[in-house]
Amino acid sequence: MESRAKLLGHPIHQMLIPFPFGLLATAVIFDIIYLIWGNPTMTTVSYWMIYAGIIGAIIAAPFGLIDWLAIPKNTRAKTIGMIHG
């Protein structure tokens, strides 16, 4: 399936999703650092990483919806896309 939402020929949703993944994973790392060393600054950094990750996911979601709506009905891909969303 080819993406419907593109920027300069590249799918937008696939370009945006690494940011929320990376930010949320980094938040976990900062939480672990806080648990090990107890530096309260790490909780603040983790909070803002989570916040930015959620904002990034909200920005990527409409482009994923556009791609999902283009998938033919009653297909396995449509079901998996719905679960993913």
C-alpha atoms as a PDB file:
ATOM      1  CA  MET A   1       0.000   0.000   0.000  1.00  0.00           C
ATOM      2  CA  GLU A   2       1.249   3.439  -0.855  1.00  0.00           C
ATOM      3  CA  SER A   3       0.808   6.355   1.510  1.00  0.00           C
ATOM      4  CA  ARG A   4      -1.752   9.001   0.571  1.00  0.00           C
ATOM      5  CA  ALA A   5      -0.242  11.777   2.717  1.00  0.00           C
ATOM      6  CA  LYS A   6       3.151  12.670   1.248  1.00  0.00           C
ATOM      7  CA  LEU A   7       5.682  15.458   1.398  1.00  0.00           C
ATOM      8  CA  LEU A   8       8.062  15.614  -1.562  1.00  0.00           C
ATOM      9  CA  GLY A   9       7.156  12.010  -2.389  1.00  0.00           C
ATOM     10  CA  HIS A  10       7.823  10.655   1.118  1.00  0.00           C
ATOM     11  CA  PRO A  11       5.096   9.402   3.505  1.00  0.00           C
ATOM     12  CA  ILE A  12       4.518  11.942   6.273  1.00  0.00           C
ATOM     13  CA  HIS A  13       3.272   9.549   8.971  1.00  0.00           C
ATOM     14  CA  GLN A  14       6.358   7.369   8.674  1.00  0.00           C
ATOM     15  CA  MET A  15       8.580  10.463   8.873  1.00  0.00           C
ATOM     16  CA  LEU A  16       6.940  11.704  12.080  1.00  0.00           C
ATOM     17  CA  ILE A  17       6.557   8.553  14.193  1.00  0.00           C
ATOM     18  CA  PRO A  18      10.241   8.174  15.172  1.00  0.00           C
ATOM     19  CA  PHE A  19      10.001  11.385  17.222  1.00  0.00           C
ATOM     20  CA  PRO A  20       7.330  10.195  19.702  1.00  0.00           C
ATOM     21  CA  PHE A  21       9.014   6.778  19.962  1.00  0.00           C
ATOM     22  CA  GLY A  22      12.382   8.343  20.683  1.00  0.00           C
ATOM     23  CA  LEU A  23      11.032  10.902  23.135  1.00  0.00           C
ATOM     24  CA  LEU A  24       9.017   8.357  25.115  1.00  0.00           C
ATOM     25  CA  ALA A  25      11.929   5.906  25.222  1.00  0.00           C
ATOM     26  CA  THR A  26      14.217   8.695  26.393  1.00  0.00           C
ATOM     27  CA  ALA A  27      11.736   9.524  29.172  1.00  0.00           C
ATOM     28  CA  VAL A  28      12.106   5.958  30.455  1.00  0.00           C
ATOM     29  CA  ILE A  29      15.880   6.330  30.415  1.00  0.00           C
ATOM     30  CA  PHE A  30      15.698   9.554  32.435  1.00  0.00           C
ATOM     31  CA  ASP A  31      13.352   7.849  34.929  1.00  0.00           C
ATOM     32  CA  ILE A  32      15.868   5.042  35.345  1.00  0.00           C
ATOM     33  CA  ILE A  33      18.656   7.581  35.855  1.00  0.00           C
ATOM     34  CA  TYR A  34      16.522   9.238  38.547  1.00  0.00           C
ATOM     35  CA  LEU A  35      15.943   5.885  40.274  1.00  0.00           C
ATOM     36  CA  ILE A  36      19.673   5.147  40.271  1.00  0.00           C
ATOM     37  CA  TRP A  37      21.115   8.539  41.271  1.00  0.00           C
ATOM     38  CA  GLY A  38      18.093  10.342  42.756  1.00  0.00           C
ATOM     39  CA  ASN A  39      18.631  13.613  40.874  1.00  0.00           C
ATOM     40  CA  PRO A  40      15.183  15.316  40.864  1.00  0.00           C
ATOM     41  CA  THR A  41      16.025  17.209  37.663  1.00  0.00           C
ATOM     42  CA  MET A  42      15.706  13.914  35.798  1.00  0.00           C
ATOM     43  CA  THR A  43      11.992  13.677  36.681  1.00  0.00           C
ATOM     44  CA  THR A  44      11.425  17.127  35.198  1.00  0.00           C
ATOM     45  CA  VAL A  45      13.291  16.177  32.028  1.00  0.00           C
ATOM     46  CA  SER A  46      11.313  12.925  31.825  1.00  0.00           C
ATOM     47  CA  TYR A  47       8.031  14.812  32.231  1.00  0.00           C
ATOM     48  CA  TRP A  48       8.832  17.128  29.332  1.00  0.00           C
ATOM     49  CA  MET A  49      10.004  14.209  27.187  1.00  0.00           C
ATOM     50  CA  ILE A  50       6.635  12.511  27.756  1.00  0.00           C
ATOM     51  CA  TYR A  51       4.809  15.767  27.012  1.00  0.00           C
ATOM     52  CA  ALA A  52       6.746  16.263  23.759  1.00  0.00           C
ATOM     53  CA  GLY A  53       6.209  12.599  22.815  1.00  0.00           C
ATOM     54  CA  ILE A  54       2.457  12.930  23.214  1.00  0.00           C
ATOM     55  CA  ILE A  55       2.414  16.133  21.156  1.00  0.00           C
ATOM     56  CA  GLY A  56       4.469  14.388  18.457  1.00  0.00           C
ATOM     57  CA  ALA A  57       2.035  11.461  18.421  1.00  0.00           C
ATOM     58  CA  ILE A  58      -0.911  13.839  18.096  1.00  0.00           C
ATOM     59  CA  ILE A  59       0.787  15.497  15.128  1.00  0.00           C
ATOM     60  CA  ALA A  60       1.530  12.128  13.439  1.00  0.00           C
ATOM     61  CA  ALA A  61      -1.936  10.646  14.047  1.00  0.00           C
ATOM     62  CA  PRO A  62      -3.945  12.534  11.378  1.00  0.00           C
ATOM     63  CA  PHE A  63      -1.493  11.446   8.688  1.00  0.00           C
ATOM     64  CA  GLY A  64      -1.805   7.851   9.842  1.00  0.00           C
ATOM     65  CA  LEU A  65      -5.588   8.199   9.712  1.00  0.00           C
ATOM     66  CA  ILE A  66      -5.384   9.450   6.126  1.00  0.00           C
ATOM     67  CA  ASP A  67      -3.306   6.396   5.195  1.00  0.00           C
ATOM     68  CA  TRP A  68      -5.635   4.046   7.113  1.00  0.00           C
ATOM     69  CA  LEU A  69      -8.718   5.387   5.333  1.00  0.00           C
ATOM     70  CA  ALA A  70      -7.103   4.467   1.994  1.00  0.00           C
ATOM     71  CA  ILE A  71      -6.781   0.761   2.941  1.00  0.00           C
ATOM     72  CA  PRO A  72      -9.491  -1.433   1.351  1.00  0.00           C
ATOM     73  CA  LYS A  73     -12.277  -2.569   3.691  1.00  0.00           C
ATOM     74  CA  ASN A  74     -12.453  -6.080   5.155  1.00  0.00           C
ATOM     75  CA  THR A  75      -8.723  -6.684   4.863  1.00  0.00           C
ATOM     76  CA  ARG A  76      -6.237  -7.818   7.477  1.00  0.00           C
ATOM     77  CA  ALA A  77      -4.273  -4.600   6.920  1.00  0.00           C
ATOM     78  CA  LYS A  78      -7.326  -2.503   7.816  1.00  0.00           C
ATOM     79  CA  THR A  79      -7.815  -4.465  11.058  1.00  0.00           C
ATOM     80  CA  ILE A  80      -4.164  -4.204  12.039  1.00  0.00           C
ATOM     81  CA  GLY A  81      -4.179  -0.490  11.207  1.00  0.00           C
ATOM     82  CA  MET A  82      -7.221   0.016  13.432  1.00  0.00           C
ATOM     83  CA  ILE A  83      -5.496  -1.751  16.334  1.00  0.00           C
ATOM     84  CA  HIS A  84      -2.333   0.291  15.719  1.00  0.00           C
ATOM     85  CA  GLY A  85      -4.327   3.522  15.780  1.00  0.00           C
END
